[in-house]
PDB file of N, CA and C in Angstrom:
ATOM      1  N   MET A   1     -61.263 -85.586-103.398  1.00  0.00           N
ATOM      2  CA  MET A   1     -60.536 -84.968-102.307  1.00  0.00           C
ATOM      3  C   MET A   1     -59.170 -85.636-102.187  1.00  0.00           C
ATOM      4  N   ASP A   2     -58.125 -84.849-102.159  1.00  0.00           N
ATOM      5  CA  ASP A   2     -56.773 -85.366-102.027  1.00  0.00           C
ATOM      6  C   ASP A   2     -56.489 -85.743-100.575  1.00  0.00           C
ATOM      7  N   VAL A   3     -55.779 -86.840-100.415  1.00  0.00           N
ATOM      8  CA  VAL A   3     -55.388 -87.294 -99.092  1.00  0.00           C
ATOM      9  C   VAL A   3     -53.991 -86.762 -98.813  1.00  0.00           C
ATOM     10  N   VAL A   4     -53.810 -86.183 -97.641  1.00  0.00           N
ATOM     11  CA  VAL A   4     -52.523 -85.618 -97.257  1.00  0.00           C
ATOM     12  C   VAL A   4     -51.642 -86.729 -96.686  1.00  0.00           C
ATOM     13  N   LEU A   5     -50.426 -86.826 -97.212  1.00  0.00           N
ATOM     14  CA  LEU A   5     -49.475 -87.811 -96.710  1.00  0.00           C
ATOM     15  C   LEU A   5     -48.595 -87.137 -95.665  1.00  0.00           C
ATOM     16  N   ASP A   6     -48.951 -87.330 -94.407  1.00  0.00           N
ATOM     17  CA  ASP A   6     -48.128 -86.839 -93.307  1.00  0.00           C
ATOM     18  C   ASP A   6     -48.165 -87.895 -92.210  1.00  0.00           C
ATOM     19  N   GLU A   7     -47.328 -87.725 -91.205  1.00  0.00           N
ATOM     20  CA  GLU A   7     -47.206 -88.746 -90.163  1.00  0.00           C
ATOM     21  C   GLU A   7     -48.521 -88.982 -89.426  1.00  0.00           C
ATOM     22  N   ALA A   8     -49.265 -87.930 -89.169  1.00  0.00           N
ATOM     23  CA  ALA A   8     -50.544 -88.090 -88.459  1.00  0.00           C
ATOM     24  C   ALA A   8     -51.527 -88.922 -89.284  1.00  0.00           C
ATOM     25  N   SER A   9     -51.567 -88.685 -90.585  1.00  0.00           N
ATOM     26  CA  SER A   9     -52.469 -89.449 -91.455  1.00  0.00           C
ATOM     27  C   SER A   9     -52.037 -90.907 -91.556  1.00  0.00           C
ATOM     28  N   VAL A  10     -50.743 -91.144 -91.622  1.00  0.00           N
ATOM     29  CA  VAL A  10     -50.243 -92.515 -91.668  1.00  0.00           C
ATOM     30  C   VAL A  10     -50.577 -93.242 -90.363  1.00  0.00           C
ATOM     31  N   LYS A  11     -50.367 -92.572 -89.238  1.00  0.00           N
ATOM     32  CA  LYS A  11     -50.703 -93.177 -87.936  1.00  0.00           C
ATOM     33  C   LYS A  11     -52.197 -93.486 -87.853  1.00  0.00           C
ATOM     34  N   ALA A  12     -53.026 -92.614 -88.418  1.00  0.00           N
ATOM     35  CA  ALA A  12     -54.468 -92.864 -88.419  1.00  0.00           C
ATOM     36  C   ALA A  12     -54.789 -94.111 -89.240  1.00  0.00           C
ATOM     37  N   GLN A  13     -54.109 -94.279 -90.362  1.00  0.00           N
ATOM     38  CA  GLN A  13     -54.329 -95.473 -91.175  1.00  0.00           C
ATOM     39  C   GLN A  13     -53.810 -96.731 -90.477  1.00  0.00           C
ATOM     40  N   ILE A  14     -52.724 -96.608 -89.744  1.00  0.00           N
ATOM     41  CA  ILE A  14     -52.216 -97.744 -88.967  1.00  0.00           C
ATOM     42  C   ILE A  14     -53.270 -98.165 -87.952  1.00  0.00           C
ATOM     43  N   ARG A  15     -53.849 -97.195 -87.284  1.00  0.00           N
ATOM     44  CA  ARG A  15     -54.877 -97.500 -86.273  1.00  0.00           C
ATOM     45  C   ARG A  15     -56.080 -98.182 -86.917  1.00  0.00           C
ATOM     46  N   ILE A  16     -56.527 -97.681 -88.053  1.00  0.00           N
ATOM     47  CA  ILE A  16     -57.651 -98.300 -88.765  1.00  0.00           C
ATOM     48  C   ILE A  16     -57.324 -99.751 -89.095  1.00  0.00           C
ATOM     49  N   PHE A  17     -56.130 -99.972 -89.615  1.00  0.00           N
ATOM     50  CA  PHE A  17     -55.716-101.337 -89.954  1.00  0.00           C
ATOM     51  C   PHE A  17     -55.716-102.227 -88.717  1.00  0.00           C
ATOM     52  N   LEU A  18     -55.102-101.755 -87.636  1.00  0.00           N
ATOM     53  CA  LEU A  18     -55.012-102.561 -86.416  1.00  0.00           C
ATOM     54  C   LEU A  18     -56.384-102.862 -85.832  1.00  0.00           C
ATOM     55  N   GLU A  19     -57.285-101.888 -85.871  1.00  0.00           N
ATOM     56  CA  GLU A  19     -58.642-102.111 -85.364  1.00  0.00           C
ATOM     57  C   GLU A  19     -59.347-103.194 -86.167  1.00  0.00           C
ATOM     58  N   ARG A  20     -59.161-103.168 -87.488  1.00  0.00           N
ATOM     59  CA  ARG A  20     -59.795-104.180 -88.338  1.00  0.00           C
ATOM     60  C   ARG A  20     -59.102-105.532 -88.191  1.00  0.00           C
ATOM     61  N   TYR A  21     -57.795-105.524 -88.140  1.00  0.00           N
ATOM     62  CA  TYR A  21     -57.030-106.764 -88.101  1.00  0.00           C
ATOM     63  C   TYR A  21     -57.259-107.525 -86.799  1.00  0.00           C
ATOM     64  N   TYR A  22     -57.215-106.808 -85.702  1.00  0.00           N
ATOM     65  CA  TYR A  22     -57.365-107.461 -84.406  1.00  0.00           C
ATOM     66  C   TYR A  22     -58.801-107.515 -83.927  1.00  0.00           C
ATOM     67  N   ALA A  23     -59.674-106.750 -84.561  1.00  0.00           N
ATOM     68  CA  ALA A  23     -61.095-106.694 -84.200  1.00  0.00           C
ATOM     69  C   ALA A  23     -61.234-106.600 -82.689  1.00  0.00           C
ATOM     70  N   GLU A  24     -61.847-107.568 -82.086  1.00  0.00           N
ATOM     71  CA  GLU A  24     -62.053-107.511 -80.634  1.00  0.00           C
ATOM     72  C   GLU A  24     -61.068-108.387 -79.877  1.00  0.00           C
ATOM     73  N   GLN A  25     -60.076-108.929 -80.580  1.00  0.00           N
ATOM     74  CA  GLN A  25     -59.104-109.812 -79.944  1.00  0.00           C
ATOM     75  C   GLN A  25     -58.085-109.061 -79.090  1.00  0.00           C
ATOM     76  N   ARG A  26     -57.803-107.836 -79.472  1.00  0.00           N
ATOM     77  CA  ARG A  26     -56.718-107.109 -78.820  1.00  0.00           C
ATOM     78  C   ARG A  26     -56.950-105.609 -78.934  1.00  0.00           C
ATOM     79  N   ASP A  27     -56.536-104.857 -77.939  1.00  0.00           N
ATOM     80  CA  ASP A  27     -56.639-103.398 -77.964  1.00  0.00           C
ATOM     81  C   ASP A  27     -55.550-102.851 -78.901  1.00  0.00           C
ATOM     82  N   PRO A  28     -55.931-102.128 -79.951  1.00  0.00           N
ATOM     83  CA  PRO A  28     -54.944-101.605 -80.899  1.00  0.00           C
ATOM     84  C   PRO A  28     -53.883-100.716 -80.240  1.00  0.00           C
ATOM     85  N   ASP A  29     -54.237-100.075 -79.128  1.00  0.00           N
ATOM     86  CA  ASP A  29     -53.278 -99.213 -78.439  1.00  0.00           C
ATOM     87  C   ASP A  29     -52.155-100.004 -77.788  1.00  0.00           C
ATOM     88  N   GLU A  30     -52.373-101.285 -77.580  1.00  0.00           N
ATOM     89  CA  GLU A  30     -51.356-102.120 -76.945  1.00  0.00           C
ATOM     90  C   GLU A  30     -50.436-102.807 -77.949  1.00  0.00           C
ATOM     91  N   VAL A  31     -50.776-102.729 -79.232  1.00  0.00           N
ATOM     92  CA  VAL A  31     -49.983-103.395 -80.266  1.00  0.00           C
ATOM     93  C   VAL A  31     -48.750-102.554 -80.591  1.00  0.00           C
ATOM     94  N   LYS A  32     -47.611-103.206 -80.619  1.00  0.00           N
ATOM     95  CA  LYS A  32     -46.344-102.566 -80.998  1.00  0.00           C
ATOM     96  C   LYS A  32     -45.944-103.069 -82.383  1.00  0.00           C
ATOM     97  N   LEU A  33     -45.157-102.298 -83.082  1.00  0.00           N
ATOM     98  CA  LEU A  33     -44.711-102.697 -84.410  1.00  0.00           C
ATOM     99  C   LEU A  33     -44.012-104.057 -84.364  1.00  0.00           C
ATOM    100  N   GLY A  34     -43.222-104.288 -83.339  1.00  0.00           N
ATOM    101  CA  GLY A  34     -42.508-105.553 -83.199  1.00  0.00           C
ATOM    102  C   GLY A  34     -43.420-106.748 -82.954  1.00  0.00           C
ATOM    103  N   ASP A  35     -44.683-106.503 -82.617  1.00  0.00           N
ATOM    104  CA  ASP A  35     -45.644-107.591 -82.424  1.00  0.00           C
ATOM    105  C   ASP A  35     -46.122-108.174 -83.755  1.00  0.00           C
ATOM    106  N   LEU A  36     -45.963-107.425 -84.833  1.00  0.00           N
ATOM    107  CA  LEU A  36     -46.475-107.864 -86.125  1.00  0.00           C
ATOM    108  C   LEU A  36     -45.512-108.852 -86.768  1.00  0.00           C
ATOM    109  N   ASP A  37     -46.059-109.948 -87.279  1.00  0.00           N
ATOM    110  CA  ASP A  37     -45.213-110.859 -88.047  1.00  0.00           C
ATOM    111  C   ASP A  37     -45.008-110.259 -89.439  1.00  0.00           C
ATOM    112  N   SER A  38     -44.143-110.856 -90.232  1.00  0.00           N
ATOM    113  CA  SER A  38     -43.789-110.269 -91.524  1.00  0.00           C
ATOM    114  C   SER A  38     -44.997-110.186 -92.455  1.00  0.00           C
ATOM    115  N   PHE A  39     -45.863-111.178 -92.430  1.00  0.00           N
ATOM    116  CA  PHE A  39     -47.047-111.162 -93.281  1.00  0.00           C
ATOM    117  C   PHE A  39     -47.974-110.003 -92.902  1.00  0.00           C
ATOM    118  N   THR A  40     -48.194-109.798 -91.628  1.00  0.00           N
ATOM    119  CA  THR A  40     -49.065-108.721 -91.159  1.00  0.00           C
ATOM    120  C   THR A  40     -48.453-107.356 -91.465  1.00  0.00           C
ATOM    121  N   LEU A  41     -47.133-107.249 -91.335  1.00  0.00           N
ATOM    122  CA  LEU A  41     -46.460-105.994 -91.669  1.00  0.00           C
ATOM    123  C   LEU A  41     -46.657-105.646 -93.149  1.00  0.00           C
ATOM    124  N   ILE A  42     -46.551-106.651 -94.014  1.00  0.00           N
ATOM    125  CA  ILE A  42     -46.766-106.409 -95.449  1.00  0.00           C
ATOM    126  C   ILE A  42     -48.225-106.022 -95.696  1.00  0.00           C
ATOM    127  N   GLN A  43     -49.159-106.680 -95.018  1.00  0.00           N
ATOM    128  CA  GLN A  43     -50.571-106.298 -95.153  1.00  0.00           C
ATOM    129  C   GLN A  43     -50.790-104.849 -94.726  1.00  0.00           C
ATOM    130  N   LEU A  44     -50.161-104.452 -93.632  1.00  0.00           N
ATOM    131  CA  LEU A  44     -50.263-103.071 -93.158  1.00  0.00           C
ATOM    132  C   LEU A  44     -49.708-102.113 -94.199  1.00  0.00           C
ATOM    133  N   LEU A  45     -48.562-102.425 -94.737  1.00  0.00           N
ATOM    134  CA  LEU A  45     -47.946-101.542 -95.724  1.00  0.00           C
ATOM    135  C   LEU A  45     -48.800-101.442 -96.981  1.00  0.00           C
ATOM    136  N   LEU A  46     -49.369-102.549 -97.428  1.00  0.00           N
ATOM    137  CA  LEU A  46     -50.253-102.509 -98.594  1.00  0.00           C
ATOM    138  C   LEU A  46     -51.504-101.685 -98.305  1.00  0.00           C
ATOM    139  N   HIS A  47     -52.019-101.784 -97.087  1.00  0.00           N
ATOM    140  CA  HIS A  47     -53.163-100.959 -96.685  1.00  0.00           C
ATOM    141  C   HIS A  47     -52.806 -99.471 -96.787  1.00  0.00           C
ATOM    142  N   ILE A  48     -51.626 -99.117 -96.300  1.00  0.00           N
ATOM    143  CA  ILE A  48     -51.180 -97.717 -96.346  1.00  0.00           C
ATOM    144  C   ILE A  48     -50.961 -97.276 -97.785  1.00  0.00           C
ATOM    145  N   GLU A  49     -50.350 -98.132 -98.591  1.00  0.00           N
ATOM    146  CA  GLU A  49     -50.144 -97.787-100.003  1.00  0.00           C
ATOM    147  C   GLU A  49     -51.476 -97.508-100.689  1.00  0.00           C
ATOM    148  N   ASP A  50     -52.463 -98.349-100.438  1.00  0.00           N
ATOM    149  CA  ASP A  50     -53.783 -98.141-101.042  1.00  0.00           C
ATOM    150  C   ASP A  50     -54.437 -96.858-100.547  1.00  0.00           C
ATOM    151  N   ALA A  51     -54.308 -96.581 -99.256  1.00  0.00           N
ATOM    152  CA  ALA A  51     -54.943 -95.396 -98.672  1.00  0.00           C
ATOM    153  C   ALA A  51     -54.379 -94.104 -99.255  1.00  0.00           C
ATOM    154  N   PHE A  52     -53.077 -94.099 -99.552  1.00  0.00           N
ATOM    155  CA  PHE A  52     -52.425 -92.869-100.013  1.00  0.00           C
ATOM    156  C   PHE A  52     -52.018 -92.906-101.479  1.00  0.00           C
ATOM    157  N   ASP A  53     -52.299 -94.031-102.142  1.00  0.00           N
ATOM    158  CA  ASP A  53     -51.929 -94.193-103.547  1.00  0.00           C
ATOM    159  C   ASP A  53     -50.434 -93.929-103.751  1.00  0.00           C
ATOM    160  N   ILE A  54     -49.630 -94.611-102.943  1.00  0.00           N
ATOM    161  CA  ILE A  54     -48.178 -94.492-103.013  1.00  0.00           C
ATOM    162  C   ILE A  54     -47.560 -95.877-103.153  1.00  0.00           C
ATOM    163  N   VAL A  55     -46.281 -95.906-103.463  1.00  0.00           N
ATOM    164  CA  VAL A  55     -45.528 -97.146-103.543  1.00  0.00           C
ATOM    165  C   VAL A  55     -44.366 -97.046-102.565  1.00  0.00           C
ATOM    166  N   VAL A  56     -44.353 -97.936-101.574  1.00  0.00           N
ATOM    167  CA  VAL A  56     -43.321 -97.909-100.538  1.00  0.00           C
ATOM    168  C   VAL A  56     -42.691 -99.292-100.332  1.00  0.00           C
ATOM    169  N   LEU A  57     -43.432-100.335-100.657  1.00  0.00           N
ATOM    170  CA  LEU A  57     -43.002-101.703-100.356  1.00  0.00           C
ATOM    171  C   LEU A  57     -41.580-101.998-100.839  1.00  0.00           C
ATOM    172  N   GLU A  58     -41.246-101.509-102.016  1.00  0.00           N
ATOM    173  CA  GLU A  58     -39.919-101.781-102.570  1.00  0.00           C
ATOM    174  C   GLU A  58     -38.787-101.185-101.740  1.00  0.00           C
ATOM    175  N   GLU A  59     -39.106-100.243-100.882  1.00  0.00           N
ATOM    176  CA  GLU A  59     -38.100 -99.587-100.041  1.00  0.00           C
ATOM    177  C   GLU A  59     -38.091-100.103 -98.605  1.00  0.00           C
ATOM    178  N   LEU A  60     -38.933-101.079 -98.299  1.00  0.00           N
ATOM    179  CA  LEU A  60     -39.051-101.561 -96.927  1.00  0.00           C
ATOM    180  C   LEU A  60     -37.719-102.051 -96.371  1.00  0.00           C
ATOM    181  N   HIS A  61     -36.860-102.569 -97.236  1.00  0.00           N
ATOM    182  CA  HIS A  61     -35.551-103.049 -96.765  1.00  0.00           C
ATOM    183  C   HIS A  61     -34.696-101.925 -96.171  1.00  0.00           C
ATOM    184  N   ASN A  62     -35.045-100.679 -96.449  1.00  0.00           N
ATOM    185  CA  ASN A  62     -34.308 -99.535 -95.904  1.00  0.00           C
ATOM    186  C   ASN A  62     -34.811 -99.099 -94.528  1.00  0.00           C
ATOM    187  N   PHE A  63     -35.917 -99.677 -94.075  1.00  0.00           N
ATOM    188  CA  PHE A  63     -36.446 -99.314 -92.760  1.00  0.00           C
ATOM    189  C   PHE A  63     -35.547 -99.917 -91.692  1.00  0.00           C
ATOM    190  N   ARG A  64     -35.097 -99.080 -90.783  1.00  0.00           N
ATOM    191  CA  ARG A  64     -34.126 -99.510 -89.768  1.00  0.00           C
ATOM    192  C   ARG A  64     -34.746 -99.855 -88.423  1.00  0.00           C
ATOM    193  N   GLY A  65     -36.044 -99.938 -88.387  1.00  0.00           N
ATOM    194  CA  GLY A  65     -36.691-100.379 -87.163  1.00  0.00           C
ATOM    195  C   GLY A  65     -37.157 -99.250 -86.279  1.00  0.00           C
ATOM    196  N   GLY A  66     -37.767 -99.642 -85.198  1.00  0.00           N
ATOM    197  CA  GLY A  66     -38.346 -98.688 -84.267  1.00  0.00           C
ATOM    198  C   GLY A  66     -39.803 -99.029 -84.068  1.00  0.00           C
ATOM    199  N   GLY A  67     -40.556 -98.042 -83.703  1.00  0.00           N
ATOM    200  CA  GLY A  67     -41.978 -98.229 -83.453  1.00  0.00           C
ATOM    201  C   GLY A  67     -42.814 -97.648 -84.577  1.00  0.00           C
ATOM    202  N   PHE A  68     -44.095 -97.482 -84.290  1.00  0.00           N
ATOM    203  CA  PHE A  68     -44.997 -96.935 -85.300  1.00  0.00           C
ATOM    204  C   PHE A  68     -44.661 -95.485 -85.648  1.00  0.00           C
ATOM    205  N   ASP A  69     -44.081 -94.726 -84.720  1.00  0.00           N
ATOM    206  CA  ASP A  69     -43.682 -93.350 -85.038  1.00  0.00           C
ATOM    207  C   ASP A  69     -42.605 -93.343 -86.117  1.00  0.00           C
ATOM    208  N   GLU A  70     -41.589 -94.181 -85.940  1.00  0.00           N
ATOM    209  CA  GLU A  70     -40.504 -94.256 -86.921  1.00  0.00           C
ATOM    210  C   GLU A  70     -41.011 -94.834 -88.249  1.00  0.00           C
ATOM    211  N   PHE A  71     -41.912 -95.805 -88.153  1.00  0.00           N
ATOM    212  CA  PHE A  71     -42.478 -96.400 -89.356  1.00  0.00           C
ATOM    213  C   PHE A  71     -43.288 -95.370 -90.135  1.00  0.00           C
ATOM    214  N   SER A  72     -44.064 -94.559 -89.426  1.00  0.00           N
ATOM    215  CA  SER A  72     -44.849 -93.503 -90.087  1.00  0.00           C
ATOM    216  C   SER A  72     -43.947 -92.494 -90.776  1.00  0.00           C
ATOM    217  N   ALA A  73     -42.882 -92.087 -90.111  1.00  0.00           N
ATOM    218  CA  ALA A  73     -41.931 -91.145 -90.713  1.00  0.00           C
ATOM    219  C   ALA A  73     -41.288 -91.759 -91.952  1.00  0.00           C
ATOM    220  N   PHE A  74     -40.942 -93.043 -91.880  1.00  0.00           N
ATOM    221  CA  PHE A  74     -40.357 -93.748 -93.015  1.00  0.00           C
ATOM    222  C   PHE A  74     -41.326 -93.767 -94.194  1.00  0.00           C
ATOM    223  N   VAL A  75     -42.582 -94.083 -93.934  1.00  0.00           N
ATOM    224  CA  VAL A  75     -43.584 -94.132 -94.996  1.00  0.00           C
ATOM    225  C   VAL A  75     -43.724 -92.768 -95.662  1.00  0.00           C
ATOM    226  N   VAL A  76     -43.773 -91.724 -94.871  1.00  0.00           N
ATOM    227  CA  VAL A  76     -43.891 -90.374 -95.436  1.00  0.00           C
ATOM    228  C   VAL A  76     -42.666 -90.051 -96.279  1.00  0.00           C
ATOM    229  N   GLN A  77     -41.497 -90.340 -95.755  1.00  0.00           N
ATOM    230  CA  GLN A  77     -40.266 -90.056 -96.492  1.00  0.00           C
ATOM    231  C   GLN A  77     -40.217 -90.828 -97.812  1.00  0.00           C
ATOM    232  N   MET A  78     -40.479 -92.110 -97.766  1.00  0.00           N
ATOM    233  CA  MET A  78     -40.425 -92.930 -98.979  1.00  0.00           C
ATOM    234  C   MET A  78     -41.594 -92.627 -99.911  1.00  0.00           C
ATOM    235  N   GLY A  79     -42.753 -92.380 -99.345  1.00  0.00           N
ATOM    236  CA  GLY A  79     -43.941 -92.116-100.149  1.00  0.00           C
ATOM    237  C   GLY A  79     -43.869 -90.826-100.932  1.00  0.00           C
ATOM    238  N   THR A  80     -43.143 -89.870-100.421  1.00  0.00           N
ATOM    239  CA  THR A  80     -43.016 -88.600-101.148  1.00  0.00           C
ATOM    240  C   THR A  80     -41.897 -88.665-102.173  1.00  0.00           C
ATOM    241  N   ARG A  81     -41.031 -89.676-102.094  1.00  0.00           N
ATOM    242  CA  ARG A  81     -39.953 -89.833-103.065  1.00  0.00           C
ATOM    243  C   ARG A  81     -40.344 -90.716-104.233  1.00  0.00           C
ATOM    244  N   LYS A  82     -41.313 -91.576-104.027  1.00  0.00           N
ATOM    245  CA  LYS A  82     -41.728 -92.518-105.060  1.00  0.00           C
ATOM    246  C   LYS A  82     -42.914 -91.960-105.826  1.00  0.00           C
ATOM    247  N   PRO A  83     -42.988 -92.234-107.133  1.00  0.00           N
ATOM    248  CA  PRO A  83     -44.174 -91.803-107.883  1.00  0.00           C
ATOM    249  C   PRO A  83     -45.396 -92.587-107.431  1.00  0.00           C
ATOM    250  N   VAL A  84     -46.543 -91.974-107.568  1.00  0.00           N
ATOM    251  CA  VAL A  84     -47.782 -92.650-107.209  1.00  0.00           C
ATOM    252  C   VAL A  84     -48.073 -93.715-108.242  1.00  0.00           C
ATOM    253  N   HIS A  85     -48.987 -94.621-107.879  1.00  0.00           N
ATOM    254  CA  HIS A  85     -49.406 -95.655-108.826  1.00  0.00           C
ATOM    255  C   HIS A  85     -49.944 -94.982-110.084  1.00  0.00           C
ATOM    256  N   THR A  86     -49.708 -95.597-111.193  1.00  0.00           N
ATOM    257  CA  THR A  86     -50.255 -95.066-112.447  1.00  0.00           C
ATOM    258  C   THR A  86     -51.278 -96.047-112.977  1.00  0.00           C
ATOM    259  N   PRO A  87     -52.348 -95.523-113.611  1.00  0.00           N
ATOM    260  CA  PRO A  87     -53.412 -96.411-114.115  1.00  0.00           C
ATOM    261  C   PRO A  87     -52.936 -97.277-115.250  1.00  0.00           C
TER     262      PRO A  87
END
């Protein structure tokens, strides 16, 4: 089954990551993108890359900030421009 790369799917993967990362320490709905340290942000991006079989990390320097909505849009934009991982 193919996974659709759209903002809603990316946001769903962000939520999955946050739920696992914070477990019972924090409500994922209260976490803002700016709360993540650089290591956690990279972990999140790698999680998204794996979920959608895309490559985005190399373009992270082009992200101009914002919240998870802007981050999701960025991932979709970059993910559709980059080739998928090859075996």
